PDB file of N, CA and C in Angstrom:
ATOM      1  N   MET A   1       0.590  -1.330  -0.050  1.00  0.00           N
ATOM      2  CA  MET A   1      -0.119  -0.128  -0.186  1.00  0.00           C
ATOM      3  C   MET A   1       0.915   1.440   0.029  1.00  0.00           C
ATOM      4  N   PRO A   2       0.497   2.356  -0.812  1.00  0.00           N
ATOM      5  CA  PRO A   2       1.388   3.574  -1.045  1.00  0.00           C
ATOM      6  C   PRO A   2       1.418   4.024   0.218  1.00  0.00           C
ATOM      7  N   LEU A   3       2.419   4.858   0.714  1.00  0.00           N
ATOM      8  CA  LEU A   3       2.510   5.408   2.050  1.00  0.00           C
ATOM      9  C   LEU A   3       1.590   6.771   2.310  1.00  0.00           C
ATOM     10  N   LEU A   4       1.110   7.330   1.281  1.00  0.00           N
ATOM     11  CA  LEU A   4      -0.028   8.553   1.104  1.00  0.00           C
ATOM     12  C   LEU A   4      -1.249   7.842   1.737  1.00  0.00           C
ATOM     13  N   ARG A   5      -1.303   6.518   1.111  1.00  0.00           N
ATOM     14  CA  ARG A   5      -2.952   6.031   1.317  1.00  0.00           C
ATOM     15  C   ARG A   5      -2.641   5.987   2.937  1.00  0.00           C
ATOM     16  N   LYS A   6      -1.529   4.902   3.481  1.00  0.00           N
ATOM     17  CA  LYS A   6      -1.745   4.392   4.697  1.00  0.00           C
ATOM     18  C   LYS A   6      -1.942   5.752   5.915  1.00  0.00           C
ATOM     19  N   ILE A   7      -0.889   6.980   5.399  1.00  0.00           N
ATOM     20  CA  ILE A   7      -1.267   8.153   6.426  1.00  0.00           C
ATOM     21  C   ILE A   7      -2.892   8.612   5.983  1.00  0.00           C
ATOM     22  N   GLU A   8      -3.119   8.535   5.143  1.00  0.00           N
ATOM     23  CA  GLU A   8      -5.099   8.965   4.897  1.00  0.00           C
ATOM     24  C   GLU A   8      -5.631   8.098   6.038  1.00  0.00           C
ATOM     25  N   ILE A   9      -5.244   7.018   6.007  1.00  0.00           N
ATOM     26  CA  ILE A   9      -6.042   5.940   6.658  1.00  0.00           C
ATOM     27  C   ILE A   9      -5.962   6.501   8.339  1.00  0.00           C
ATOM     28  N   PHE A  10      -4.407   6.653   8.755  1.00  0.00           N
ATOM     29  CA  PHE A  10      -3.934   6.781   9.803  1.00  0.00           C
ATOM     30  C   PHE A  10      -4.959   8.090  10.327  1.00  0.00           C
ATOM     31  N   LEU A  11      -4.963   9.104   9.266  1.00  0.00           N
ATOM     32  CA  LEU A  11      -5.426  10.766   9.737  1.00  0.00           C
ATOM     33  C   LEU A  11      -6.953  10.351  10.244  1.00  0.00           C
ATOM     34  N   ASN A  12      -7.734   9.548   9.145  1.00  0.00           N
ATOM     35  CA  ASN A  12      -8.986   9.209   9.467  1.00  0.00           C
ATOM     36  C   ASN A  12      -9.159   8.598  10.682  1.00  0.00           C
ATOM     37  N   GLU A  13      -8.557   7.311  10.982  1.00  0.00           N
ATOM     38  CA  GLU A  13      -8.460   6.761  12.216  1.00  0.00           C
ATOM     39  C   GLU A  13      -8.442   7.632  13.740  1.00  0.00           C
ATOM     40  N   THR A  14      -7.592   8.600  13.548  1.00  0.00           N
ATOM     41  CA  THR A  14      -7.098   9.565  14.450  1.00  0.00           C
ATOM     42  C   THR A  14      -7.665  10.941  14.678  1.00  0.00           C
ATOM     43  N   ASN A  15      -8.304  10.989  13.553  1.00  0.00           N
ATOM     44  CA  ASN A  15      -8.794  12.569  13.507  1.00  0.00           C
ATOM     45  C   ASN A  15      -7.594  13.472  13.860  1.00  0.00           C
ATOM     46  N   MET A  16      -6.287  12.825  13.680  1.00  0.00           N
ATOM     47  CA  MET A  16      -5.215  14.008  13.331  1.00  0.00           C
ATOM     48  C   MET A  16      -5.032  15.318  12.475  1.00  0.00           C
ATOM     49  N   PRO A  17      -4.985  16.098  12.492  1.00  0.00           N
ATOM     50  CA  PRO A  17      -4.900  17.313  11.519  1.00  0.00           C
ATOM     51  C   PRO A  17      -3.578  16.870  10.506  1.00  0.00           C
ATOM     52  N   TRP A  18      -3.570  17.058   9.341  1.00  0.00           N
ATOM     53  CA  TRP A  18      -2.557  16.836   8.636  1.00  0.00           C
ATOM     54  C   TRP A  18      -1.337  17.397   8.998  1.00  0.00           C
ATOM     55  N   THR A  19      -1.689  18.665   9.167  1.00  0.00           N
ATOM     56  CA  THR A  19      -0.298  19.743   9.599  1.00  0.00           C
ATOM     57  C   THR A  19       0.443  19.020  10.614  1.00  0.00           C
ATOM     58  N   LYS A  20      -0.503  18.830  11.865  1.00  0.00           N
ATOM     59  CA  LYS A  20       0.424  18.193  13.018  1.00  0.00           C
ATOM     60  C   LYS A  20       0.758  16.863  12.781  1.00  0.00           C
ATOM     61  N   PHE A  21       0.134  15.785  12.202  1.00  0.00           N
ATOM     62  CA  PHE A  21       1.141  14.694  11.382  1.00  0.00           C
ATOM     63  C   PHE A  21       2.369  15.169  11.220  1.00  0.00           C
ATOM     64  N   GLY A  22       2.375  16.018  10.190  1.00  0.00           N
ATOM     65  CA  GLY A  22       3.519  16.154   9.397  1.00  0.00           C
ATOM     66  C   GLY A  22       4.642  16.689  10.568  1.00  0.00           C
ATOM     67  N   ARG A  23       4.178  17.667  11.263  1.00  0.00           N
ATOM     68  CA  ARG A  23       5.202  18.308  12.420  1.00  0.00           C
ATOM     69  C   ARG A  23       5.605  17.089  13.300  1.00  0.00           C
ATOM     70  N   LEU A  24       4.485  16.167  13.678  1.00  0.00           N
ATOM     71  CA  LEU A  24       5.148  15.403  14.634  1.00  0.00           C
ATOM     72  C   LEU A  24       6.212  14.164  13.991  1.00  0.00           C
ATOM     73  N   SER A  25       5.792  13.770  12.979  1.00  0.00           N
ATOM     74  CA  SER A  25       6.231  12.518  12.186  1.00  0.00           C
ATOM     75  C   SER A  25       7.798  12.898  11.892  1.00  0.00           C
ATOM     76  N   VAL A  26       7.511  14.395  10.716  1.00  0.00           N
ATOM     77  CA  VAL A  26       8.827  14.240  10.365  1.00  0.00           C
ATOM     78  C   VAL A  26       9.455  16.012  10.401  1.00  0.00           C
ATOM     79  N   ARG A  27       8.725  16.310  11.201  1.00  0.00           N
ATOM     80  CA  ARG A  27       9.025  18.090  11.438  1.00  0.00           C
ATOM     81  C   ARG A  27       8.650  18.669  10.480  1.00  0.00           C
ATOM     82  N   ASP A  28       7.836  18.829   9.693  1.00  0.00           N
ATOM     83  CA  ASP A  28       7.603  19.503   8.153  1.00  0.00           C
ATOM     84  C   ASP A  28       6.058  19.052   8.618  1.00  0.00           C
ATOM     85  N   PRO A  29       5.234  20.708   8.545  1.00  0.00           N
ATOM     86  CA  PRO A  29       3.795  20.742   8.572  1.00  0.00           C
ATOM     87  C   PRO A  29       3.376  20.448   7.343  1.00  0.00           C
ATOM     88  N   ARG A  30       4.120  20.728   6.300  1.00  0.00           N
ATOM     89  CA  ARG A  30       3.394  20.635   5.034  1.00  0.00           C
ATOM     90  C   ARG A  30       3.903  19.106   4.371  1.00  0.00           C
ATOM     91  N   PHE A  31       4.191  18.445   5.139  1.00  0.00           N
ATOM     92  CA  PHE A  31       4.693  16.897   4.641  1.00  0.00           C
ATOM     93  C   PHE A  31       3.525  16.355   3.975  1.00  0.00           C
ATOM     94  N   VAL A  32       2.396  16.328   4.113  1.00  0.00           N
ATOM     95  CA  VAL A  32       1.005  15.313   3.906  1.00  0.00           C
ATOM     96  C   VAL A  32       0.807  16.158   2.484  1.00  0.00           C
ATOM     97  N   GLU A  33       0.631  17.650   2.600  1.00  0.00           N
ATOM     98  CA  GLU A  33       0.155  18.487   1.192  1.00  0.00           C
ATOM     99  C   GLU A  33       1.319  18.255   0.226  1.00  0.00           C
ATOM    100  N   ASP A  34       2.449  18.200   0.523  1.00  0.00           N
ATOM    101  CA  ASP A  34       3.712  17.747  -0.547  1.00  0.00           C
ATOM    102  C   ASP A  34       3.322  16.369  -0.933  1.00  0.00           C
ATOM    103  N   LEU A  35       2.856  15.507  -0.017  1.00  0.00           N
ATOM    104  CA  LEU A  35       2.691  14.127  -0.645  1.00  0.00           C
ATOM    105  C   LEU A  35       1.588  13.959  -1.478  1.00  0.00           C
ATOM    106  N   ARG A  36       0.256  14.698  -1.537  1.00  0.00           N
ATOM    107  CA  ARG A  36      -0.768  14.679  -1.953  1.00  0.00           C
ATOM    108  C   ARG A  36      -0.298  15.508  -3.579  1.00  0.00           C
ATOM    109  N   ASN A  37       0.625  16.184  -3.433  1.00  0.00           N
ATOM    110  CA  ASN A  37       0.827  16.895  -4.530  1.00  0.00           C
ATOM    111  C   ASN A  37       2.273  16.125  -5.733  1.00  0.00           C
ATOM    112  N   GLY A  38       2.215  14.895  -5.071  1.00  0.00           N
ATOM    113  CA  GLY A  38       3.422  14.338  -5.759  1.00  0.00           C
ATOM    114  C   GLY A  38       4.987  13.993  -5.241  1.00  0.00           C
ATOM    115  N   ARG A  39       5.088  14.384  -4.118  1.00  0.00           N
ATOM    116  CA  ARG A  39       6.571  14.377  -3.404  1.00  0.00           C
ATOM    117  C   ARG A  39       6.353  12.902  -3.122  1.00  0.00           C
ATOM    118  N   GLN A  40       7.775  12.539  -3.620  1.00  0.00           N
ATOM    119  CA  GLN A  40       8.450  11.096  -3.065  1.00  0.00           C
ATOM    120  C   GLN A  40       8.889  10.954  -2.265  1.00  0.00           C
ATOM    121  N   PRO A  41       8.956  10.767  -0.761  1.00  0.00           N
ATOM    122  CA  PRO A  41       9.841  10.519   0.368  1.00  0.00           C
ATOM    123  C   PRO A  41      10.456   9.321   0.153  1.00  0.00           C
ATOM    124  N   GLY A  42      12.082   9.606   0.356  1.00  0.00           N
ATOM    125  CA  GLY A  42      12.919   8.828   0.551  1.00  0.00           C
ATOM    126  C   GLY A  42      12.646   7.616   1.472  1.00  0.00           C
ATOM    127  N   LYS A  43      13.536   6.655   1.582  1.00  0.00           N
ATOM    128  CA  LYS A  43      13.516   5.283   2.209  1.00  0.00           C
ATOM    129  C   LYS A  43      13.220   5.735   3.768  1.00  0.00           C
ATOM    130  N   SER A  44      14.486   6.493   4.066  1.00  0.00           N
ATOM    131  CA  SER A  44      14.505   6.825   5.661  1.00  0.00           C
ATOM    132  C   SER A  44      13.210   7.601   6.259  1.00  0.00           C
ATOM    133  N   VAL A  45      12.707   8.856   5.542  1.00  0.00           N
ATOM    134  CA  VAL A  45      11.715   9.110   5.743  1.00  0.00           C
ATOM    135  C   VAL A  45      10.539   8.426   5.645  1.00  0.00           C
ATOM    136  N   SER A  46      10.441   7.336   4.908  1.00  0.00           N
ATOM    137  CA  SER A  46       9.172   6.643   4.947  1.00  0.00           C
ATOM    138  C   SER A  46       9.057   5.911   6.366  1.00  0.00           C
ATOM    139  N   ASN A  47      10.402   5.328   6.301  1.00  0.00           N
ATOM    140  CA  ASN A  47      10.634   4.373   7.554  1.00  0.00           C
ATOM    141  C   ASN A  47      10.103   5.034   9.000  1.00  0.00           C
ATOM    142  N   ARG A  48      10.616   6.705   8.880  1.00  0.00           N
ATOM    143  CA  ARG A  48      10.244   7.429  10.156  1.00  0.00           C
ATOM    144  C   ARG A  48       8.754   7.469  10.260  1.00  0.00           C
ATOM    145  N   VAL A  49       8.074   7.637   8.949  1.00  0.00           N
ATOM    146  CA  VAL A  49       6.623   8.172   9.427  1.00  0.00           C
ATOM    147  C   VAL A  49       6.067   6.657   9.745  1.00  0.00           C
ATOM    148  N   GLU A  50       6.227   5.427   9.001  1.00  0.00           N
ATOM    149  CA  GLU A  50       5.665   4.335   9.443  1.00  0.00           C
ATOM    150  C   GLU A  50       5.863   3.724  10.784  1.00  0.00           C
ATOM    151  N   HIS A  51       7.127   4.352  11.633  1.00  0.00           N
ATOM    152  CA  HIS A  51       7.491   3.716  12.988  1.00  0.00           C
ATOM    153  C   HIS A  51       6.503   4.850  13.856  1.00  0.00           C
ATOM    154  N   PHE A  52       6.335   5.992  13.444  1.00  0.00           N
ATOM    155  CA  PHE A  52       5.451   7.021  13.964  1.00  0.00           C
ATOM    156  C   PHE A  52       4.233   6.646  14.204  1.00  0.00           C
ATOM    157  N   MET A  53       3.458   5.914  12.957  1.00  0.00           N
ATOM    158  CA  MET A  53       2.259   5.550  13.204  1.00  0.00           C
ATOM    159  C   MET A  53       2.074   4.575  13.953  1.00  0.00           C
ATOM    160  N   ASN A  54       3.006   3.568  13.963  1.00  0.00           N
ATOM    161  CA  ASN A  54       2.775   2.258  14.606  1.00  0.00           C
ATOM    162  C   ASN A  54       2.922   2.554  16.186  1.00  0.00           C
ATOM    163  N   MET A  55       4.123   3.557  16.492  1.00  0.00           N
ATOM    164  CA  MET A  55       3.888   3.835  17.984  1.00  0.00           C
ATOM    165  C   MET A  55       3.094   4.903  18.450  1.00  0.00           C
ATOM    166  N   TRP A  56       2.399   5.471  17.615  1.00  0.00           N
ATOM    167  CA  TRP A  56       1.053   6.290  17.711  1.00  0.00           C
ATOM    168  C   TRP A  56      -0.239   5.144  18.274  1.00  0.00           C
ATOM    169  N   ARG A  57      -0.161   4.332  17.453  1.00  0.00           N
ATOM    170  CA  ARG A  57      -1.037   3.590  17.688  1.00  0.00           C
ATOM    171  C   ARG A  57      -1.296   2.287  18.963  1.00  0.00           C
ATOM    172  N   THR A  58       0.258   2.088  19.122  1.00  0.00           N
ATOM    173  CA  THR A  58       0.594   1.247  20.618  1.00  0.00           C
ATOM    174  C   THR A  58       0.254   2.375  21.163  1.00  0.00           C
ATOM    175  N   ASP A  59       0.521   3.223  21.574  1.00  0.00           N
ATOM    176  CA  ASP A  59       0.687   4.283  22.478  1.00  0.00           C
ATOM    177  C   ASP A  59      -0.878   4.578  23.133  1.00  0.00           C
ATOM    178  N   HIS A  60      -1.635   4.855  21.897  1.00  0.00           N
ATOM    179  CA  HIS A  60      -3.125   5.093  22.156  1.00  0.00           C
ATOM    180  C   HIS A  60      -3.956   4.012  21.899  1.00  0.00           C
ATOM    181  N   ALA A  61      -3.732   2.745  22.175  1.00  0.00           N
ATOM    182  CA  ALA A  61      -4.349   1.792  21.871  1.00  0.00           C
ATOM    183  C   ALA A  61      -5.454   1.773  22.928  1.00  0.00           C
ATOM    184  N   GLY A  62      -6.678   1.007  23.038  1.00  0.00           N
ATOM    185  CA  GLY A  62      -7.126   0.664  24.048  1.00  0.00           C
ATOM    186  C   GLY A  62      -8.707   1.380  23.807  1.00  0.00           C
TER     187      GLY A  62
END
């Protein structure tokens, strides 16, 4: 599944604003908007984003 799709699902699940997601995950509030406009993140950024979403789900489960 493409990273942007995973992020969109995460945003819907958590009701987190996309600017907050970018700020918390990669310190870039425009990150999600840039992805929506065609930005292709590198492997390390993708891994950071995946890790952030997994840790958020673990920390906020329940």
